[in-house]
């Protein structure tokens, strides 16, 4: 099972593996191996990748218990709420129902 969803994130961001390699200071082959699930990066590299891609490091991982990844913002009645989990979404829905 592949743990990372780096291929999806790169496609969403419109960034090539070569550009990511250059920005993180590793070889394009290293990034290719990570993207294809042939190797797993050290934590320090994961942190650099997330920083370069301007995402929360958790967005690099596929969910392990099924379901979709929640990460986003919802604006409701001129207030912006950050949704990072089902709990956050449930809290917002509870507030909306009142």
PDB file of N, CA and C in Angstrom:
ATOM      1  N   UNK A   1       0.840  -1.187   0.000  1.00  0.00           N
ATOM      2  CA  UNK A   1       0.000   0.000   0.000  1.00  0.00           C
ATOM      3  C   UNK A   1       0.880   1.243   0.000  1.00  0.00           C
ATOM      4  N   UNK A   2       0.581   2.128  -0.895  1.00  0.00           N
ATOM      5  CA  UNK A   2       1.301   3.400  -0.928  1.00  0.00           C
ATOM      6  C   UNK A   2       0.744   4.313   0.165  1.00  0.00           C
ATOM      7  N   UNK A   3       1.641   4.943   0.890  1.00  0.00           N
ATOM      8  CA  UNK A   3       1.224   5.831   1.973  1.00  0.00           C
ATOM      9  C   UNK A   3       1.067   7.270   1.533  1.00  0.00           C
ATOM     10  N   UNK A   4       1.853   7.661   0.538  1.00  0.00           N
ATOM     11  CA  UNK A   4       1.844   9.064   0.122  1.00  0.00           C
ATOM     12  C   UNK A   4       0.956   9.289  -1.084  1.00  0.00           C
ATOM     13  N   UNK A   5       0.421  10.482  -1.165  1.00  0.00           N
ATOM     14  CA  UNK A   5      -0.376  10.893  -2.319  1.00  0.00           C
ATOM     15  C   UNK A   5       0.314  12.045  -3.051  1.00  0.00           C
ATOM     16  N   UNK A   6       1.637  11.944  -3.113  1.00  0.00           N
ATOM     17  CA  UNK A   6       2.442  13.006  -3.706  1.00  0.00           C
ATOM     18  C   UNK A   6       2.125  13.215  -5.179  1.00  0.00           C
ATOM     19  N   UNK A   7       1.871  12.149  -5.902  1.00  0.00           N
ATOM     20  CA  UNK A   7       1.544  12.278  -7.325  1.00  0.00           C
ATOM     21  C   UNK A   7       0.299  13.147  -7.511  1.00  0.00           C
ATOM     22  N   UNK A   8      -0.718  12.917  -6.688  1.00  0.00           N
ATOM     23  CA  UNK A   8      -1.944  13.705  -6.755  1.00  0.00           C
ATOM     24  C   UNK A   8      -1.695  15.169  -6.403  1.00  0.00           C
ATOM     25  N   UNK A   9      -0.925  15.388  -5.354  1.00  0.00           N
ATOM     26  CA  UNK A   9      -0.655  16.756  -4.902  1.00  0.00           C
ATOM     27  C   UNK A   9       0.122  17.524  -5.969  1.00  0.00           C
ATOM     28  N   UNK A  10       1.122  16.884  -6.562  1.00  0.00           N
ATOM     29  CA  UNK A  10       1.889  17.544  -7.619  1.00  0.00           C
ATOM     30  C   UNK A  10       0.988  17.902  -8.795  1.00  0.00           C
ATOM     31  N   UNK A  11       0.105  16.987  -9.172  1.00  0.00           N
ATOM     32  CA  UNK A  11      -0.811  17.260 -10.282  1.00  0.00           C
ATOM     33  C   UNK A  11      -1.746  18.421  -9.935  1.00  0.00           C
ATOM     34  N   UNK A  12      -2.280  18.412  -8.705  1.00  0.00           N
ATOM     35  CA  UNK A  12      -3.172  19.497  -8.272  1.00  0.00           C
ATOM     36  C   UNK A  12      -2.477  20.849  -8.283  1.00  0.00           C
ATOM     37  N   UNK A  13      -1.210  20.861  -7.903  1.00  0.00           N
ATOM     38  CA  UNK A  13      -0.448  22.107  -7.814  1.00  0.00           C
ATOM     39  C   UNK A  13       0.182  22.498  -9.154  1.00  0.00           C
ATOM     40  N   UNK A  14       0.189  21.571 -10.120  1.00  0.00           N
ATOM     41  CA  UNK A  14       0.803  21.860 -11.411  1.00  0.00           C
ATOM     42  C   UNK A  14       2.316  21.963 -11.330  1.00  0.00           C
ATOM     43  N   UNK A  15       2.909  21.174 -10.446  1.00  0.00           N
ATOM     44  CA  UNK A  15       4.360  21.193 -10.239  1.00  0.00           C
ATOM     45  C   UNK A  15       4.938  19.866 -10.713  1.00  0.00           C
ATOM     46  N   UNK A  16       6.032  19.940 -11.432  1.00  0.00           N
ATOM     47  CA  UNK A  16       6.673  18.710 -11.911  1.00  0.00           C
ATOM     48  C   UNK A  16       7.576  18.137 -10.826  1.00  0.00           C
ATOM     49  N   UNK A  17       7.853  16.851 -10.960  1.00  0.00           N
ATOM     50  CA  UNK A  17       8.783  16.200 -10.043  1.00  0.00           C
ATOM     51  C   UNK A  17      10.162  16.837 -10.112  1.00  0.00           C
ATOM     52  N   UNK A  18      10.558  17.246 -11.309  1.00  0.00           N
ATOM     53  CA  UNK A  18      11.862  17.892 -11.487  1.00  0.00           C
ATOM     54  C   UNK A  18      11.922  19.212 -10.723  1.00  0.00           C
ATOM     55  N   UNK A  19      10.852  20.003 -10.814  1.00  0.00           N
ATOM     56  CA  UNK A  19      10.800  21.275 -10.085  1.00  0.00           C
ATOM     57  C   UNK A  19      10.816  21.048  -8.576  1.00  0.00           C
ATOM     58  N   UNK A  20      10.087  20.033  -8.121  1.00  0.00           N
ATOM     59  CA  UNK A  20      10.070  19.720  -6.693  1.00  0.00           C
ATOM     60  C   UNK A  20      11.457  19.275  -6.234  1.00  0.00           C
ATOM     61  N   UNK A  21      12.113  18.472  -7.051  1.00  0.00           N
ATOM     62  CA  UNK A  21      13.465  18.003  -6.709  1.00  0.00           C
ATOM     63  C   UNK A  21      14.410  19.187  -6.549  1.00  0.00           C
ATOM     64  N   UNK A  22      14.360  20.092  -7.494  1.00  0.00           N
ATOM     65  CA  UNK A  22      15.234  21.269  -7.441  1.00  0.00           C
ATOM     66  C   UNK A  22      14.953  22.113  -6.203  1.00  0.00           C
ATOM     67  N   UNK A  23      13.671  22.309  -5.903  1.00  0.00           N
ATOM     68  CA  UNK A  23      13.292  23.159  -4.771  1.00  0.00           C
ATOM     69  C   UNK A  23      13.616  22.528  -3.414  1.00  0.00           C
ATOM     70  N   UNK A  24      13.671  21.200  -3.377  1.00  0.00           N
ATOM     71  CA  UNK A  24      13.941  20.514  -2.108  1.00  0.00           C
ATOM     72  C   UNK A  24      15.393  20.065  -1.974  1.00  0.00           C
ATOM     73  N   UNK A  25      16.168  20.225  -3.038  1.00  0.00           N
ATOM     74  CA  UNK A  25      17.585  19.884  -2.963  1.00  0.00           C
ATOM     75  C   UNK A  25      17.901  18.407  -3.080  1.00  0.00           C
ATOM     76  N   UNK A  26      17.041  17.659  -3.775  1.00  0.00           N
ATOM     77  CA  UNK A  26      17.313  16.241  -4.024  1.00  0.00           C
ATOM     78  C   UNK A  26      17.287  16.001  -5.529  1.00  0.00           C
ATOM     79  N   UNK A  27      17.650  14.822  -5.930  1.00  0.00           N
ATOM     80  CA  UNK A  27      17.684  14.518  -7.359  1.00  0.00           C
ATOM     81  C   UNK A  27      16.279  14.221  -7.884  1.00  0.00           C
ATOM     82  N   UNK A  28      16.057  14.455  -9.171  1.00  0.00           N
ATOM     83  CA  UNK A  28      14.772  14.088  -9.766  1.00  0.00           C
ATOM     84  C   UNK A  28      14.473  12.591  -9.625  1.00  0.00           C
ATOM     85  N   UNK A  29      15.509  11.771  -9.657  1.00  0.00           N
ATOM     86  CA  UNK A  29      15.318  10.324  -9.488  1.00  0.00           C
ATOM     87  C   UNK A  29      14.768  10.016  -8.093  1.00  0.00           C
ATOM     88  N   UNK A  30      15.265  10.727  -7.083  1.00  0.00           N
ATOM     89  CA  UNK A  30      14.770  10.527  -5.718  1.00  0.00           C
ATOM     90  C   UNK A  30      13.282  10.858  -5.630  1.00  0.00           C
ATOM     91  N   UNK A  31      12.890  11.993  -6.206  1.00  0.00           N
ATOM     92  CA  UNK A  31      11.472  12.372  -6.181  1.00  0.00           C
ATOM     93  C   UNK A  31      10.641  11.374  -6.969  1.00  0.00           C
ATOM     94  N   UNK A  32      11.136  10.940  -8.115  1.00  0.00           N
ATOM     95  CA  UNK A  32      10.427   9.949  -8.916  1.00  0.00           C
ATOM     96  C   UNK A  32      10.202   8.662  -8.129  1.00  0.00           C
ATOM     97  N   UNK A  33      11.217   8.226  -7.411  1.00  0.00           N
ATOM     98  CA  UNK A  33      11.088   7.004  -6.602  1.00  0.00           C
ATOM     99  C   UNK A  33      10.051   7.181  -5.496  1.00  0.00           C
ATOM    100  N   UNK A  34      10.001   8.358  -4.904  1.00  0.00           N
ATOM    101  CA  UNK A  34       9.017   8.630  -3.854  1.00  0.00           C
ATOM    102  C   UNK A  34       7.614   8.668  -4.459  1.00  0.00           C
ATOM    103  N   UNK A  35       7.460   9.394  -5.563  1.00  0.00           N
ATOM    104  CA  UNK A  35       6.159   9.523  -6.225  1.00  0.00           C
ATOM    105  C   UNK A  35       5.617   8.156  -6.642  1.00  0.00           C
ATOM    106  N   UNK A  36       6.489   7.301  -7.115  1.00  0.00           N
ATOM    107  CA  UNK A  36       6.069   5.980  -7.599  1.00  0.00           C
ATOM    108  C   UNK A  36       6.000   4.923  -6.511  1.00  0.00           C
ATOM    109  N   UNK A  37       6.267   5.300  -5.276  1.00  0.00           N
ATOM    110  CA  UNK A  37       6.163   4.365  -4.166  1.00  0.00           C
ATOM    111  C   UNK A  37       7.317   3.397  -4.036  1.00  0.00           C
ATOM    112  N   UNK A  38       8.433   3.688  -4.712  1.00  0.00           N
ATOM    113  CA  UNK A  38       9.598   2.805  -4.641  1.00  0.00           C
ATOM    114  C   UNK A  38      10.501   3.103  -3.456  1.00  0.00           C
ATOM    115  N   UNK A  39      10.334   4.269  -2.858  1.00  0.00           N
ATOM    116  CA  UNK A  39      11.093   4.616  -1.654  1.00  0.00           C
ATOM    117  C   UNK A  39      10.248   5.578  -0.822  1.00  0.00           C
ATOM    118  N   UNK A  40      10.629   5.706   0.437  1.00  0.00           N
ATOM    119  CA  UNK A  40       9.909   6.596   1.340  1.00  0.00           C
ATOM    120  C   UNK A  40      10.885   7.620   1.881  1.00  0.00           C
ATOM    121  N   UNK A  41      10.533   8.908   1.839  1.00  0.00           N
ATOM    122  CA  UNK A  41      11.474   9.956   2.268  1.00  0.00           C
ATOM    123  C   UNK A  41      11.648  10.002   3.786  1.00  0.00           C
ATOM    124  N   UNK A  42      12.788  10.507   4.194  1.00  0.00           N
ATOM    125  CA  UNK A  42      13.036  10.755   5.608  1.00  0.00           C
ATOM    126  C   UNK A  42      12.132  11.909   6.051  1.00  0.00           C
ATOM    127  N   UNK A  43      11.848  11.990   7.350  1.00  0.00           N
ATOM    128  CA  UNK A  43      10.968  13.065   7.834  1.00  0.00           C
ATOM    129  C   UNK A  43      11.420  14.468   7.427  1.00  0.00           C
ATOM    130  N   UNK A  44      12.725  14.705   7.421  1.00  0.00           N
ATOM    131  CA  UNK A  44      13.222  16.033   7.058  1.00  0.00           C
ATOM    132  C   UNK A  44      12.829  16.401   5.630  1.00  0.00           C
ATOM    133  N   UNK A  45      12.874  15.419   4.731  1.00  0.00           N
ATOM    134  CA  UNK A  45      12.503  15.677   3.347  1.00  0.00           C
ATOM    135  C   UNK A  45      10.997  15.862   3.229  1.00  0.00           C
ATOM    136  N   UNK A  46      10.221  15.104   3.968  1.00  0.00           N
ATOM    137  CA  UNK A  46       8.768  15.297   3.955  1.00  0.00           C
ATOM    138  C   UNK A  46       8.407  16.717   4.367  1.00  0.00           C
ATOM    139  N   UNK A  47       9.091  17.217   5.369  1.00  0.00           N
ATOM    140  CA  UNK A  47       8.848  18.581   5.834  1.00  0.00           C
ATOM    141  C   UNK A  47       9.183  19.586   4.739  1.00  0.00           C
ATOM    142  N   UNK A  48      10.332  19.385   4.068  1.00  0.00           N
ATOM    143  CA  UNK A  48      10.712  20.304   2.980  1.00  0.00           C
ATOM    144  C   UNK A  48       9.713  20.234   1.830  1.00  0.00           C
ATOM    145  N   UNK A  49       9.264  19.023   1.499  1.00  0.00           N
ATOM    146  CA  UNK A  49       8.291  18.861   0.416  1.00  0.00           C
ATOM    147  C   UNK A  49       7.008  19.615   0.747  1.00  0.00           C
ATOM    148  N   UNK A  50       6.493  19.435   1.960  1.00  0.00           N
ATOM    149  CA  UNK A  50       5.264  20.124   2.364  1.00  0.00           C
ATOM    150  C   UNK A  50       5.450  21.637   2.318  1.00  0.00           C
ATOM    151  N   UNK A  51       6.612  22.096   2.751  1.00  0.00           N
ATOM    152  CA  UNK A  51       6.873  23.539   2.753  1.00  0.00           C
ATOM    153  C   UNK A  51       6.906  24.080   1.321  1.00  0.00           C
ATOM    154  N   UNK A  52       7.600  23.376   0.430  1.00  0.00           N
ATOM    155  CA  UNK A  52       7.686  23.809  -0.970  1.00  0.00           C
ATOM    156  C   UNK A  52       6.299  23.817  -1.616  1.00  0.00           C
ATOM    157  N   UNK A  53       5.491  22.802  -1.306  1.00  0.00           N
ATOM    158  CA  UNK A  53       4.162  22.704  -1.893  1.00  0.00           C
ATOM    159  C   UNK A  53       3.136  23.574  -1.171  1.00  0.00           C
ATOM    160  N   UNK A  54       3.553  24.217  -0.080  1.00  0.00           N
ATOM    161  CA  UNK A  54       2.694  25.098   0.704  1.00  0.00           C
ATOM    162  C   UNK A  54       1.426  24.382   1.167  1.00  0.00           C
ATOM    163  N   UNK A  55       1.648  23.186   1.768  1.00  0.00           N
ATOM    164  CA  UNK A  55       0.536  22.401   2.294  1.00  0.00           C
ATOM    165  C   UNK A  55       0.892  21.898   3.684  1.00  0.00           C
ATOM    166  N   UNK A  56      -0.115  21.501   4.410  1.00  0.00           N
ATOM    167  CA  UNK A  56       0.081  20.838   5.689  1.00  0.00           C
ATOM    168  C   UNK A  56       0.661  19.455   5.391  1.00  0.00           C
ATOM    169  N   UNK A  57       1.628  19.035   6.149  1.00  0.00           N
ATOM    170  CA  UNK A  57       2.303  17.762   5.892  1.00  0.00           C
ATOM    171  C   UNK A  57       1.317  16.596   5.864  1.00  0.00           C
ATOM    172  N   UNK A  58       0.222  16.708   6.593  1.00  0.00           N
ATOM    173  CA  UNK A  58      -0.778  15.635   6.613  1.00  0.00           C
ATOM    174  C   UNK A  58      -1.415  15.411   5.250  1.00  0.00           C
ATOM    175  N   UNK A  59      -1.413  16.443   4.409  1.00  0.00           N
ATOM    176  CA  UNK A  59      -2.002  16.317   3.077  1.00  0.00           C
ATOM    177  C   UNK A  59      -1.189  15.412   2.159  1.00  0.00           C
ATOM    178  N   UNK A  60       0.041  15.114   2.552  1.00  0.00           N
ATOM    179  CA  UNK A  60       0.878  14.232   1.746  1.00  0.00           C
ATOM    180  C   UNK A  60       0.499  12.760   1.904  1.00  0.00           C
ATOM    181  N   UNK A  61      -0.234  12.450   2.962  1.00  0.00           N
ATOM    182  CA  UNK A  61      -0.551  11.058   3.271  1.00  0.00           C
ATOM    183  C   UNK A  61      -1.966  10.683   2.868  1.00  0.00           C
ATOM    184  N   UNK A  62      -2.113   9.435   2.428  1.00  0.00           N
ATOM    185  CA  UNK A  62      -3.433   8.888   2.148  1.00  0.00           C
ATOM    186  C   UNK A  62      -4.081   8.532   3.479  1.00  0.00           C
ATOM    187  N   UNK A  63      -5.399   8.664   3.584  1.00  0.00           N
ATOM    188  CA  UNK A  63      -6.062   8.284   4.829  1.00  0.00           C
ATOM    189  C   UNK A  63      -5.886   6.792   5.094  1.00  0.00           C
ATOM    190  N   UNK A  64      -5.650   6.428   6.332  1.00  0.00           N
ATOM    191  CA  UNK A  64      -5.409   5.030   6.667  1.00  0.00           C
ATOM    192  C   UNK A  64      -6.665   4.297   7.121  1.00  0.00           C
ATOM    193  N   UNK A  65      -7.711   5.038   7.409  1.00  0.00           N
ATOM    194  CA  UNK A  65      -8.944   4.397   7.871  1.00  0.00           C
ATOM    195  C   UNK A  65     -10.091   4.612   6.894  1.00  0.00           C
ATOM    196  N   UNK A  66      -9.739   4.791   5.640  1.00  0.00           N
ATOM    197  CA  UNK A  66     -10.773   5.010   4.637  1.00  0.00           C
ATOM    198  C   UNK A  66     -11.282   6.442   4.689  1.00  0.00           C
ATOM    199  N   UNK A  67     -12.181   6.728   3.810  1.00  0.00           N
ATOM    200  CA  UNK A  67     -12.755   8.067   3.781  1.00  0.00           C
ATOM    201  C   UNK A  67     -11.863   9.038   3.038  1.00  0.00           C
ATOM    202  N   UNK A  68     -12.345  10.229   2.946  1.00  0.00           N
ATOM    203  CA  UNK A  68     -11.620  11.268   2.219  1.00  0.00           C
ATOM    204  C   UNK A  68     -10.850  12.152   3.192  1.00  0.00           C
ATOM    205  N   UNK A  69      -9.860  12.798   2.667  1.00  0.00           N
ATOM    206  CA  UNK A  69      -9.101  13.760   3.451  1.00  0.00           C
ATOM    207  C   UNK A  69      -9.911  15.046   3.526  1.00  0.00           C
ATOM    208  N   UNK A  70     -10.050  15.563   4.722  1.00  0.00           N
ATOM    209  CA  UNK A  70     -10.734  16.836   4.898  1.00  0.00           C
ATOM    210  C   UNK A  70      -9.701  17.911   5.150  1.00  0.00           C
ATOM    211  N   UNK A  71      -9.717  18.907   4.337  1.00  0.00           N
ATOM    212  CA  UNK A  71      -8.824  20.042   4.542  1.00  0.00           C
ATOM    213  C   UNK A  71      -9.334  21.172   3.679  1.00  0.00           C
ATOM    214  N   UNK A  72      -9.855  22.172   4.340  1.00  0.00           N
ATOM    215  CA  UNK A  72     -10.351  23.283   3.570  1.00  0.00           C
ATOM    216  C   UNK A  72     -10.969  24.339   4.458  1.00  0.00           C
ATOM    217  N   UNK A  73     -11.599  25.280   3.823  1.00  0.00           N
ATOM    218  CA  UNK A  73     -12.223  26.393   4.517  1.00  0.00           C
ATOM    219  C   UNK A  73     -13.671  26.494   4.079  1.00  0.00           C
ATOM    220  N   UNK A  74     -14.510  26.875   5.019  1.00  0.00           N
ATOM    221  CA  UNK A  74     -15.916  27.093   4.730  1.00  0.00           C
ATOM    222  C   UNK A  74     -16.272  28.476   5.257  1.00  0.00           C
ATOM    223  N   UNK A  75     -16.926  29.256   4.420  1.00  0.00           N
ATOM    224  CA  UNK A  75     -17.397  30.560   4.863  1.00  0.00           C
ATOM    225  C   UNK A  75     -18.890  30.467   5.118  1.00  0.00           C
ATOM    226  N   UNK A  76     -19.288  30.890   6.298  1.00  0.00           N
ATOM    227  CA  UNK A  76     -20.694  30.855   6.677  1.00  0.00           C
ATOM    228  C   UNK A  76     -21.001  32.120   7.461  1.00  0.00           C
ATOM    229  N   UNK A  77     -21.956  32.872   6.962  1.00  0.00           N
ATOM    230  CA  UNK A  77     -22.369  34.126   7.602  1.00  0.00           C
ATOM    231  C   UNK A  77     -21.177  35.037   7.895  1.00  0.00           C
ATOM    232  N   UNK A  78     -20.382  35.268   6.877  1.00  0.00           N
ATOM    233  CA  UNK A  78     -19.233  36.178   6.935  1.00  0.00           C
ATOM    234  C   UNK A  78     -18.131  35.730   7.896  1.00  0.00           C
ATOM    235  N   UNK A  79     -18.143  34.470   8.276  1.00  0.00           N
ATOM    236  CA  UNK A  79     -17.087  33.923   9.117  1.00  0.00           C
ATOM    237  C   UNK A  79     -16.459  32.753   8.381  1.00  0.00           C
ATOM    238  N   UNK A  80     -15.133  32.626   8.470  1.00  0.00           N
ATOM    239  CA  UNK A  80     -14.421  31.553   7.782  1.00  0.00           C
ATOM    240  C   UNK A  80     -13.989  30.513   8.808  1.00  0.00           C
ATOM    241  N   UNK A  81     -14.295  29.261   8.496  1.00  0.00           N
ATOM    242  CA  UNK A  81     -13.960  28.141   9.371  1.00  0.00           C
ATOM    243  C   UNK A  81     -12.995  27.214   8.648  1.00  0.00           C
ATOM    244  N   UNK A  82     -11.959  26.779   9.346  1.00  0.00           N
ATOM    245  CA  UNK A  82     -11.015  25.819   8.761  1.00  0.00           C
ATOM    246  C   UNK A  82     -11.469  24.421   9.143  1.00  0.00           C
ATOM    247  N   UNK A  83     -11.596  23.555   8.167  1.00  0.00           N
ATOM    248  CA  UNK A  83     -12.053  22.185   8.380  1.00  0.00           C
ATOM    249  C   UNK A  83     -10.870  21.245   8.142  1.00  0.00           C
ATOM    250  N   UNK A  84     -10.414  20.608   9.214  1.00  0.00           N
ATOM    251  CA  UNK A  84      -9.289  19.672   9.120  1.00  0.00           C
ATOM    252  C   UNK A  84      -9.682  18.251   9.500  1.00  0.00           C
ATOM    253  N   UNK A  85     -10.893  18.094  10.014  1.00  0.00           N
ATOM    254  CA  UNK A  85     -11.317  16.768  10.454  1.00  0.00           C
ATOM    255  C   UNK A  85     -12.830  16.683  10.425  1.00  0.00           C
ATOM    256  N   UNK A  86     -13.328  15.474  10.591  1.00  0.00           N
ATOM    257  CA  UNK A  86     -14.766  15.270  10.665  1.00  0.00           C
ATOM    258  C   UNK A  86     -15.325  15.993  11.889  1.00  0.00           C
ATOM    259  N   UNK A  87     -14.563  16.023  12.959  1.00  0.00           N
ATOM    260  CA  UNK A  87     -14.989  16.730  14.172  1.00  0.00           C
ATOM    261  C   UNK A  87     -15.200  18.208  13.875  1.00  0.00           C
ATOM    262  N   UNK A  88     -14.270  18.828  13.155  1.00  0.00           N
ATOM    263  CA  UNK A  88     -14.425  20.244  12.782  1.00  0.00           C
ATOM    264  C   UNK A  88     -15.697  20.449  11.969  1.00  0.00           C
ATOM    265  N   UNK A  89     -15.944  19.544  11.022  1.00  0.00           N
ATOM    266  CA  UNK A  89     -17.128  19.655  10.176  1.00  0.00           C
ATOM    267  C   UNK A  89     -18.397  19.482  11.002  1.00  0.00           C
ATOM    268  N   UNK A  90     -18.387  18.525  11.927  1.00  0.00           N
ATOM    269  CA  UNK A  90     -19.559  18.314  12.777  1.00  0.00           C
ATOM    270  C   UNK A  90     -19.840  19.530  13.653  1.00  0.00           C
ATOM    271  N   UNK A  91     -18.785  20.155  14.182  1.00  0.00           N
ATOM    272  CA  UNK A  91     -18.963  21.357  14.988  1.00  0.00           C
ATOM    273  C   UNK A  91     -19.615  22.472  14.171  1.00  0.00           C
ATOM    274  N   UNK A  92     -19.150  22.636  12.947  1.00  0.00           N
ATOM    275  CA  UNK A  92     -19.721  23.671  12.089  1.00  0.00           C
ATOM    276  C   UNK A  92     -21.168  23.356  11.767  1.00  0.00           C
ATOM    277  N   UNK A  93     -21.470  22.106  11.453  1.00  0.00           N
ATOM    278  CA  UNK A  93     -22.846  21.732  11.134  1.00  0.00           C
ATOM    279  C   UNK A  93     -23.769  21.932  12.332  1.00  0.00           C
ATOM    280  N   UNK A  94     -23.276  21.662  13.524  1.00  0.00           N
ATOM    281  CA  UNK A  94     -24.049  21.903  14.740  1.00  0.00           C
ATOM    282  C   UNK A  94     -24.363  23.379  14.885  1.00  0.00           C
ATOM    283  N   UNK A  95     -23.379  24.218  14.609  1.00  0.00           N
ATOM    284  CA  UNK A  95     -23.559  25.675  14.702  1.00  0.00           C
ATOM    285  C   UNK A  95     -24.567  26.150  13.654  1.00  0.00           C
ATOM    286  N   UNK A  96     -24.527  25.574  12.458  1.00  0.00           N
ATOM    287  CA  UNK A  96     -25.415  25.973  11.371  1.00  0.00           C
ATOM    288  C   UNK A  96     -26.858  25.598  11.692  1.00  0.00           C
ATOM    289  N   UNK A  97     -27.060  24.470  12.356  1.00  0.00           N
ATOM    290  CA  UNK A  97     -28.411  23.984  12.662  1.00  0.00           C
ATOM    291  C   UNK A  97     -29.118  24.838  13.709  1.00  0.00           C
ATOM    292  N   UNK A  98     -28.368  25.601  14.490  1.00  0.00           N
ATOM    293  CA  UNK A  98     -28.969  26.407  15.565  1.00  0.00           C
ATOM    294  C   UNK A  98     -29.757  27.562  15.022  1.00  0.00           C
TER     295      UNK A  98
END
